[in-house]
Each structure stands twice: as structure tokens, then as C-alpha cells.
Amino acid sequence: MTRENQLGDFLRARRDLVSPQEVGLPWHMSRRVKGLRRDEVALLAGVSTDYYTRLEQGRERHPSEQVLGAVARALRLDDSAAAHLFQLVQPAPRTAAAPVTTVSPELSCLMEHFLDLPACIVGPALDILAANRSGRQLFSGFARMDNQLRMLFLDPAGRRFYRDWERAARGMVSNLRAQAAPFPDDPRIAQVIGELSLRSPAFAQLWARYDVRPCTSDDKPLWHPQVGEMYLHYESFTVASAPGQRLLVYSAEPGTPSADALVLLRTLAEEPRSGHPARTAS
């Protein structure tokens, strides 16, 4: 993830996503850009076109908070995207530790013996670092249980498992950008982004949008090859003792077919298995 002109890349990508109609500007068939022009963003933000051009080109590196707020409003950024914009201009001091890629024995024990719901630990590159038995069973339809992005974009099982694949893809890519932001020089994050950009046009297209949104909870329609359709809710918890790690826990509303499916999933997880289940990253 190069830091050369991330601000310019972000601004260009985000103005491409805003149509003139959304912001009350006239639209003409002869327009040669798919979103807003630089002069239109400048008009909406209350700055000169020259100033905004210098901002996008990386020649103006110290805009005020008032200007950044005006640009965020002009580009219709939500809270997460606006925070990312501010971070690009005013990055936090580089004192954060590198992401931790090993899961503590205590956390592994908690997942395995005190959580009967599917649970796993993921890193900032969305690598699955560990999972309990129910978690491994939940993802058993995949060839490998190693990285959430690779599983979704490169494993054919991804389009069967995620019933609303397009929504899942958008959410996971915007979550990656949010989780990776505190670790701009991490080689594993760069490796994952590079591999997927080369091997998955769908990922490359979504990554170029510069959507930024941490996914802390969500409801997902899923399909498992042994228990069928499930509608699961998941919560993401920060692991305070391990920078970059998050604990994901999947649940279902009590008394629903999805709750019954989770009971069956736990039963299957307890049974001895033949064959080769999905493997977590080492």
C-alpha cells in the first residue's frame, strides 16, 4: 500500500462515485466524466478549483479541518469514509505495534471450550488465524479456511456460501480498507491486496472505489452444504491484547430455523470426520 498520493487516489475515486444529480448540479449528455469534475467538487466545498486541484495532485498537503470537512460533505462521505479522509491528511503518530499474527493460548481456549457458537480470529489482512470447532465446521465447504477475501473471491464455494455475494463482497473490501489503515506498511496486507487485484477483476474493481467501512456487526444469509440455508448475525470484537486481531462470533435468533441449523452444525463439529476439512492458516 504505497503512501505516495493516497489522498489524491481517494479523492479521485470518491468523486467518480457522486453524480451531479445527487448534489443538485445540472447533467449533460456531453459530460466526459462519470462522476463530479474537480471544479464541481471545489464549488460544492467552497474552495477554488486551483486549490482543490493541488489537493488532489498532492501539491497541497496541509488543508485545514474546515476544508476537509467541506470536501467530505461535497463528496457525500459517510462517517467512516470522512474519518479515513482525515487520517490520510493527518495520520496518527507511527507508534502502533505491528499486527500480531499468533493467537494466544488463552483466547484459543476461550473459543474452543466456552463458546459453542461459531467463532474465529481474523487479522487486519482478513487472514483467519484460528477458529473453534463450530467455526471450522461453518466454513467446511471451502477448500481452505485461510483468508476471508481469498475464500470469497477466489474459491468457487464463496458464491454458494454467501447468498448475497455482491453485498458480501462490497462489505468485505470496504472492511479490509478500514482494518488495514492502521498498518500502512504491513507486507501481508500488501500481499493480499496485490494477489487479489491480479487474480480477481471483481476485487480490483471494488478496491478502486475506495469505500471505507469497518464491519463490526452484520446479518448474513449463508448456505452450508450439510445444513442448508442459514440467516446468521455476527459481531466483531477487538482483541485488545493483540493489535489488529478481531474475534468474530456468529449467532442466530432463538427459535428460528437458523438456530436449529446452528445446533446441527455444532453436532457435526463434534463428530469424527473423514476426508479433509477446510484448514485454517498456520
Protein backbone atom coordinates (compact mmCIF):
# COMPACT_ATOMS: atom_id res chain seq x y z
CA MET A 1 0.00 0.00 0.00
CA THR A 2 2.02 2.97 -1.24
CA ARG A 3 1.58 6.26 0.64
CA GLU A 4 2.77 8.32 -2.40
CA ASN A 5 -0.50 10.17 -3.01
CA GLN A 6 -3.18 8.18 -1.26
CA LEU A 7 -5.16 11.35 -0.67
CA GLY A 8 -5.37 12.07 -4.39
CA ASP A 9 -6.27 8.48 -5.20
CA PHE A 10 -9.02 8.56 -2.59
CA LEU A 11 -10.48 11.89 -3.75
CA ARG A 12 -10.49 10.90 -7.43
CA ALA A 13 -12.15 7.57 -6.70
CA ARG A 14 -14.79 9.08 -4.47
CA ARG A 15 -15.78 11.93 -6.79
CA ASP A 16 -16.25 9.34 -9.54
CA LEU A 17 -18.99 7.82 -7.36
CA VAL A 18 -21.04 11.00 -6.99
CA SER A 19 -23.35 12.01 -9.83
CA PRO A 20 -24.19 15.69 -10.49
CA GLN A 21 -27.88 14.92 -9.86
CA GLU A 22 -27.09 13.74 -6.31
CA VAL A 23 -25.73 17.15 -5.39
CA GLY A 24 -28.19 19.29 -7.35
CA LEU A 25 -25.93 20.13 -10.30
CA PRO A 26 -27.08 20.03 -13.94
CA TRP A 27 -26.19 16.97 -16.01
CA HIS A 28 -25.49 17.00 -19.74
CA MET A 29 -25.11 14.12 -22.20
CA SER A 30 -21.79 15.58 -23.30
CA ARG A 31 -20.13 15.01 -19.91
CA ARG A 32 -16.84 13.15 -20.23
CA VAL A 33 -16.50 12.13 -16.58
CA LYS A 34 -18.67 9.57 -14.82
CA GLY A 35 -18.87 11.49 -11.56
CA LEU A 36 -18.08 15.03 -10.45
CA ARG A 37 -15.45 17.20 -12.08
CA ARG A 38 -12.78 18.88 -9.97
CA ASP A 39 -14.36 22.29 -10.44
CA GLU A 40 -17.71 20.93 -9.24
CA VAL A 41 -16.20 19.48 -6.06
CA ALA A 42 -14.43 22.81 -5.49
CA LEU A 43 -17.71 24.69 -5.95
CA LEU A 44 -19.54 22.44 -3.50
CA ALA A 45 -16.71 22.64 -0.95
CA GLY A 46 -16.36 26.40 -1.21
CA VAL A 47 -12.72 26.41 -2.34
CA SER A 48 -11.05 27.47 -5.59
CA THR A 49 -10.65 24.97 -8.40
CA ASP A 50 -6.89 25.58 -8.32
CA TYR A 51 -6.72 24.76 -4.59
CA TYR A 52 -8.75 21.58 -4.95
CA THR A 53 -6.64 20.52 -7.96
CA ARG A 54 -3.47 20.96 -5.92
CA LEU A 55 -5.05 18.95 -3.11
CA GLU A 56 -5.85 16.07 -5.45
CA GLN A 57 -2.45 16.19 -7.11
CA GLY A 58 -0.62 16.03 -3.78
CA ARG A 59 0.81 19.56 -4.08
CA GLU A 60 -1.25 20.82 -1.13
CA ARG A 61 -0.59 18.62 1.87
CA HIS A 62 -1.85 20.71 4.80
CA PRO A 63 -5.54 21.51 4.31
CA SER A 64 -7.42 22.77 7.33
CA GLU A 65 -10.01 20.69 9.15
CA GLN A 66 -12.68 23.06 7.82
CA VAL A 67 -11.62 22.36 4.23
CA LEU A 68 -11.51 18.61 4.80
CA GLY A 69 -14.96 18.71 6.34
CA ALA A 70 -16.29 20.69 3.37
CA VAL A 71 -14.72 18.25 0.89
CA ALA A 72 -16.18 15.30 2.82
CA ARG A 73 -19.64 16.83 2.60
CA ALA A 74 -19.21 17.64 -1.09
CA LEU A 75 -18.29 14.02 -1.80
CA ARG A 76 -21.15 12.69 0.34
CA LEU A 77 -18.77 10.72 2.56
CA ASP A 78 -20.24 8.80 5.47
CA ASP A 79 -18.62 8.96 8.92
CA SER A 80 -16.17 6.11 8.25
CA ALA A 81 -15.04 7.48 4.88
CA ALA A 82 -14.73 11.01 6.29
CA ALA A 83 -12.58 9.70 9.16
CA HIS A 84 -10.38 7.94 6.61
CA LEU A 85 -10.02 11.20 4.67
CA PHE A 86 -8.84 13.00 7.81
CA GLN A 87 -6.44 10.16 8.59
CA LEU A 88 -4.86 10.38 5.15
CA VAL A 89 -4.05 14.05 5.75
CA GLN A 90 -3.31 13.85 9.46
CA PRO A 91 -2.05 10.30 10.09
CA ALA A 92 -1.73 9.16 13.67
CA PRO A 93 1.82 9.02 15.09
CA ARG A 94 3.61 5.90 13.88
CA THR A 95 3.75 4.28 17.30
CA ALA A 96 1.33 1.40 16.72
CA ALA A 97 2.78 -2.06 17.03
CA ALA A 98 2.87 -4.39 14.05
CA PRO A 99 -0.15 -6.68 13.75
CA VAL A 100 0.05 -9.82 15.87
CA THR A 101 -0.37 -12.97 13.77
CA THR A 102 -0.40 -15.61 16.50
CA VAL A 103 -3.41 -16.24 18.72
CA SER A 104 -2.79 -16.52 22.45
CA PRO A 105 -3.42 -19.93 24.08
CA GLU A 106 -5.88 -18.27 26.47
CA LEU A 107 -8.00 -16.89 23.64
CA SER A 108 -7.88 -20.20 21.79
CA CYS A 109 -9.05 -21.97 24.95
CA LEU A 110 -11.90 -19.48 25.42
CA MET A 111 -13.12 -20.03 21.87
CA GLU A 112 -12.83 -23.81 21.97
CA HIS A 113 -14.26 -24.52 25.40
CA PHE A 114 -16.52 -21.61 26.34
CA LEU A 115 -18.07 -20.58 23.01
CA ASP A 116 -20.39 -23.11 21.43
CA LEU A 117 -21.24 -20.63 18.68
CA PRO A 118 -19.06 -20.50 15.55
CA ALA A 119 -16.14 -18.18 16.24
CA CYS A 120 -12.84 -17.26 14.64
CA ILE A 121 -9.97 -14.79 14.98
CA VAL A 122 -9.01 -12.67 11.97
CA GLY A 123 -6.09 -10.32 11.36
CA PRO A 124 -6.07 -6.95 9.53
CA ALA A 125 -5.49 -8.67 6.15
CA LEU A 126 -8.60 -10.77 6.97
CA ASP A 127 -6.50 -13.89 7.46
CA ILE A 128 -8.30 -16.45 9.63
CA LEU A 129 -5.75 -17.07 12.35
CA ALA A 130 -7.76 -19.53 14.45
CA ALA A 131 -11.28 -20.91 14.84
CA ASN A 132 -13.20 -23.15 17.20
CA ARG A 133 -14.76 -26.42 16.06
CA SER A 134 -18.10 -24.85 15.16
CA GLY A 135 -16.28 -22.13 13.25
CA ARG A 136 -14.29 -24.67 11.27
CA GLN A 137 -17.50 -26.56 10.54
CA LEU A 138 -19.22 -23.38 9.37
CA PHE A 139 -16.55 -22.88 6.70
CA SER A 140 -16.01 -26.56 5.92
CA GLY A 141 -17.33 -26.17 2.39
CA PHE A 142 -14.25 -24.19 1.36
CA ALA A 143 -11.07 -25.80 0.06
CA ARG A 144 -9.01 -23.83 2.59
CA MET A 145 -10.03 -21.72 5.55
CA ASP A 146 -7.19 -19.25 5.36
CA ASN A 147 -8.28 -15.77 4.30
CA GLN A 148 -11.81 -14.39 4.14
CA LEU A 149 -11.11 -12.41 0.96
CA ARG A 150 -9.45 -15.28 -0.89
CA MET A 151 -12.30 -17.59 0.10
CA LEU A 152 -14.93 -15.13 -1.12
CA PHE A 153 -13.29 -14.02 -4.38
CA LEU A 154 -11.17 -16.99 -5.50
CA ASP A 155 -12.84 -20.13 -4.11
CA PRO A 156 -15.90 -21.25 -6.13
CA ALA A 157 -17.56 -22.15 -2.82
CA GLY A 158 -17.69 -18.44 -1.97
CA ARG A 159 -20.59 -17.70 -4.31
CA ARG A 160 -22.59 -20.59 -2.86
CA PHE A 161 -21.79 -19.85 0.78
CA TYR A 162 -22.61 -16.13 0.63
CA ARG A 163 -26.18 -16.00 -0.66
CA ASP A 164 -25.92 -12.25 -1.33
CA TRP A 165 -22.44 -12.43 -2.79
CA GLU A 166 -22.31 -8.88 -4.18
CA ARG A 167 -23.24 -7.34 -0.83
CA ALA A 168 -20.76 -9.56 1.00
CA ALA A 169 -18.02 -8.61 -1.45
CA ARG A 170 -18.64 -4.88 -1.08
CA GLY A 171 -18.71 -5.13 2.69
CA MET A 172 -15.57 -7.23 2.95
CA VAL A 173 -13.49 -4.98 0.69
CA SER A 174 -14.55 -1.79 2.48
CA ASN A 175 -13.82 -3.55 5.78
CA LEU A 176 -10.34 -4.51 4.57
CA ARG A 177 -9.51 -0.89 3.81
CA ALA A 178 -10.68 0.14 7.28
CA GLN A 179 -8.82 -2.64 9.11
CA ALA A 180 -5.63 -2.15 7.09
CA ALA A 181 -5.44 1.64 7.64
CA PRO A 182 -3.55 1.45 10.98
CA PHE A 183 -0.90 -0.78 9.37
CA PRO A 184 0.05 1.00 6.09
CA ASP A 185 3.41 -0.75 5.71
CA ASP A 186 2.39 -4.30 6.62
CA PRO A 187 3.73 -6.70 3.94
CA ARG A 188 0.97 -9.28 4.42
CA ILE A 189 -1.76 -6.72 3.73
CA ALA A 190 0.09 -5.60 0.59
CA GLN A 191 0.48 -9.23 -0.49
CA VAL A 192 -3.23 -9.97 -0.14
CA ILE A 193 -4.25 -6.81 -2.00
CA GLY A 194 -1.74 -7.50 -4.77
CA GLU A 195 -2.73 -11.14 -5.27
CA LEU A 196 -6.44 -10.42 -5.34
CA SER A 197 -6.03 -7.40 -7.63
CA LEU A 198 -4.27 -9.64 -10.15
CA ARG A 199 -6.50 -12.69 -9.84
CA SER A 200 -9.95 -11.20 -9.28
CA PRO A 201 -11.30 -8.40 -11.51
CA ALA A 202 -14.26 -8.12 -9.13
CA PHE A 203 -11.94 -7.39 -6.20
CA ALA A 204 -9.87 -4.92 -8.24
CA GLN A 205 -12.99 -3.01 -9.24
CA LEU A 206 -14.27 -2.77 -5.66
CA TRP A 207 -10.84 -1.86 -4.27
CA ALA A 208 -10.61 1.03 -6.75
CA ARG A 209 -13.82 2.54 -5.30
CA TYR A 210 -12.02 3.43 -2.04
CA ASP A 211 -15.02 2.53 0.09
CA VAL A 212 -14.04 2.53 3.77
CA ARG A 213 -16.36 0.99 6.33
CA PRO A 214 -15.39 -1.20 9.30
CA CYS A 215 -17.83 -4.04 9.67
CA THR A 216 -18.47 -4.53 13.37
CA SER A 217 -21.77 -6.40 13.04
CA ASP A 218 -24.00 -7.62 10.26
CA ASP A 219 -26.69 -10.10 9.26
CA LYS A 220 -25.70 -12.57 6.58
CA PRO A 221 -27.70 -15.08 4.55
CA LEU A 222 -25.44 -18.12 4.20
CA TRP A 223 -25.64 -21.61 2.71
CA HIS A 224 -23.84 -24.62 4.18
CA PRO A 225 -23.50 -27.87 2.20
CA GLN A 226 -24.68 -30.01 5.14
CA VAL A 227 -27.23 -27.86 6.99
CA GLY A 228 -28.57 -25.71 4.14
CA GLU A 229 -29.61 -22.06 4.39
CA MET A 230 -28.92 -20.01 7.49
CA TYR A 231 -29.51 -16.39 8.39
CA LEU A 232 -26.77 -15.53 10.87
CA HIS A 233 -25.82 -12.42 12.78
CA TYR A 234 -22.20 -11.79 13.56
CA GLU A 235 -20.44 -9.47 15.96
CA SER A 236 -16.81 -8.38 15.74
CA PHE A 237 -14.84 -7.75 18.95
CA THR A 238 -11.43 -6.10 19.14
CA VAL A 239 -8.76 -8.22 20.84
CA ALA A 240 -7.13 -5.54 22.99
CA SER A 241 -4.02 -7.61 23.77
CA ALA A 242 -3.22 -8.33 20.11
CA PRO A 243 -3.07 -5.33 17.71
CA GLY A 244 -5.04 -5.98 14.53
CA GLN A 245 -6.89 -9.07 15.75
CA ARG A 246 -10.67 -9.34 15.99
CA LEU A 247 -12.91 -12.06 17.36
CA LEU A 248 -15.90 -12.85 15.11
CA VAL A 249 -18.87 -14.68 16.64
CA TYR A 250 -21.85 -15.94 14.62
CA SER A 251 -25.30 -16.41 16.15
CA ALA A 252 -28.93 -16.89 15.16
CA GLU A 253 -32.23 -15.66 16.57
CA PRO A 254 -33.56 -18.23 19.08
CA GLY A 255 -36.45 -20.36 17.90
CA THR A 256 -35.73 -19.92 14.20
CA PRO A 257 -34.71 -22.49 11.58
CA SER A 258 -31.28 -20.83 11.56
CA ALA A 259 -30.90 -21.53 15.29
CA ASP A 260 -31.78 -25.18 14.60
CA ALA A 261 -29.18 -25.19 11.82
CA LEU A 262 -26.53 -23.97 14.26
CA VAL A 263 -27.39 -26.81 16.65
CA LEU A 264 -26.91 -29.27 13.81
CA LEU A 265 -23.67 -27.54 12.87
CA ARG A 266 -22.33 -28.00 16.42
CA THR A 267 -23.35 -31.66 16.34
CA LEU A 268 -21.48 -32.17 13.09
CA ALA A 269 -18.45 -30.39 14.53
CA GLU A 270 -18.31 -32.88 17.40
CA GLU A 271 -18.43 -35.93 15.15
CA PRO A 272 -15.25 -37.62 13.89
CA ARG A 273 -14.78 -36.67 10.27
CA SER A 274 -13.33 -38.47 7.30
CA GLY A 275 -11.76 -36.63 4.41
CA HIS A 276 -10.04 -33.26 4.57
CA PRO A 277 -11.91 -30.40 6.23
CA ALA A 278 -11.10 -26.80 5.48
CA ARG A 279 -7.77 -25.82 7.01
CA THR A 280 -7.07 -22.60 8.87
CA ALA A 281 -4.00 -20.53 8.12
CA SER A 282 -0.93 -21.52 10.07
